[in-house]
Amino acid sequence: MATQLPRNANPPVFTPQTAAEYLGATERQIYDAVRKKRITHVKVGQYVRFRESDLQEYIQRQTVLAEPLSQGAR
């Protein structure tokens, strides 16, 4: 299912549900990351919202770089 963002969002903001779809995660994982302050978010009253740039930053921080292969390995 395609991620649907609010039409009036400029820049676009994501709900926990759409953030989960964007990241390929579950809503529970998103809420856990919010609770543990591992993902930057915006509080709008009682609601949690995410900017796309914050989701991209989260992806960068979670990226594990591969180690270079040694010369003898094949």
Protein backbone atom coordinates (compact mmCIF):
# COMPACT_ATOMS: atom_id res chain seq x y z
CA MET A 1 0.00 0.00 0.00
CA ALA A 2 1.39 3.42 -0.93
CA THR A 3 2.20 5.90 1.79
CA GLN A 4 -0.40 8.67 1.90
CA LEU A 5 0.65 12.01 3.32
CA PRO A 6 -1.67 14.85 4.29
CA ARG A 7 -2.27 17.06 1.23
CA ASN A 8 -1.67 20.28 3.14
CA ALA A 9 1.67 19.16 4.59
CA ASN A 10 4.45 21.43 3.40
CA PRO A 11 7.05 20.10 3.98
CA PRO A 12 5.42 16.68 4.25
CA VAL A 13 5.04 15.17 7.70
CA PHE A 14 4.55 11.53 8.50
CA THR A 15 2.28 9.95 11.07
CA PRO A 16 3.63 6.95 12.99
CA GLN A 17 1.74 4.70 10.54
CA THR A 18 3.16 6.36 7.41
CA ALA A 19 6.63 6.57 9.00
CA ALA A 20 6.47 2.83 9.66
CA GLU A 21 5.53 2.18 6.02
CA TYR A 22 8.31 4.48 4.83
CA LEU A 23 10.91 2.71 6.97
CA GLY A 24 9.56 -0.81 6.47
CA ALA A 25 8.92 -1.12 10.20
CA THR A 26 5.92 -1.63 12.43
CA GLU A 27 4.11 1.14 14.27
CA ARG A 28 5.21 -0.47 17.53
CA GLN A 29 8.86 -0.18 16.46
CA ILE A 30 8.28 3.49 15.64
CA TYR A 31 6.66 4.19 19.01
CA ASP A 32 9.48 2.31 20.79
CA ALA A 33 12.07 4.45 18.96
CA VAL A 34 10.14 7.59 19.98
CA ARG A 35 9.89 6.47 23.61
CA LYS A 36 13.63 5.72 23.69
CA LYS A 37 14.37 9.03 21.89
CA ARG A 38 16.17 7.22 19.08
CA ILE A 39 14.25 8.95 16.30
CA THR A 40 13.72 12.69 16.00
CA HIS A 41 10.06 13.63 16.09
CA VAL A 42 7.70 16.56 16.51
CA LYS A 43 4.94 16.67 19.09
CA VAL A 44 1.77 18.36 17.86
CA GLY A 45 -0.36 18.38 20.97
CA GLN A 46 -0.71 14.70 21.85
CA TYR A 47 0.27 13.56 18.36
CA VAL A 48 3.70 12.47 17.13
CA ARG A 49 4.81 13.49 13.64
CA PHE A 50 8.02 13.01 11.65
CA ARG A 51 9.71 15.11 8.98
CA GLU A 52 11.10 13.21 6.00
CA SER A 53 14.54 14.65 6.73
CA ASP A 54 14.41 13.17 10.25
CA LEU A 55 13.47 9.76 8.85
CA GLN A 56 16.37 9.96 6.38
CA GLU A 57 18.72 10.91 9.25
CA TYR A 58 17.45 7.93 11.24
CA ILE A 59 18.20 5.64 8.29
CA GLN A 60 21.74 7.05 8.07
CA ARG A 61 22.35 6.48 11.78
CA GLN A 62 21.09 2.89 11.52
CA THR A 63 23.22 2.05 8.49
CA VAL A 64 25.97 -0.49 9.16
CA LEU A 65 28.90 -0.21 6.77
CA ALA A 66 30.42 -3.37 5.37
CA GLU A 67 34.03 -4.11 6.19
CA PRO A 68 36.39 -4.32 3.22
CA LEU A 69 37.29 -7.81 2.07
CA SER A 70 40.80 -8.94 2.87
CA GLN A 71 43.07 -9.75 -0.06
CA GLY A 72 42.99 -13.50 0.61
CA ALA A 73 39.19 -13.78 0.94
CA ARG A 74 37.07 -14.81 -2.04
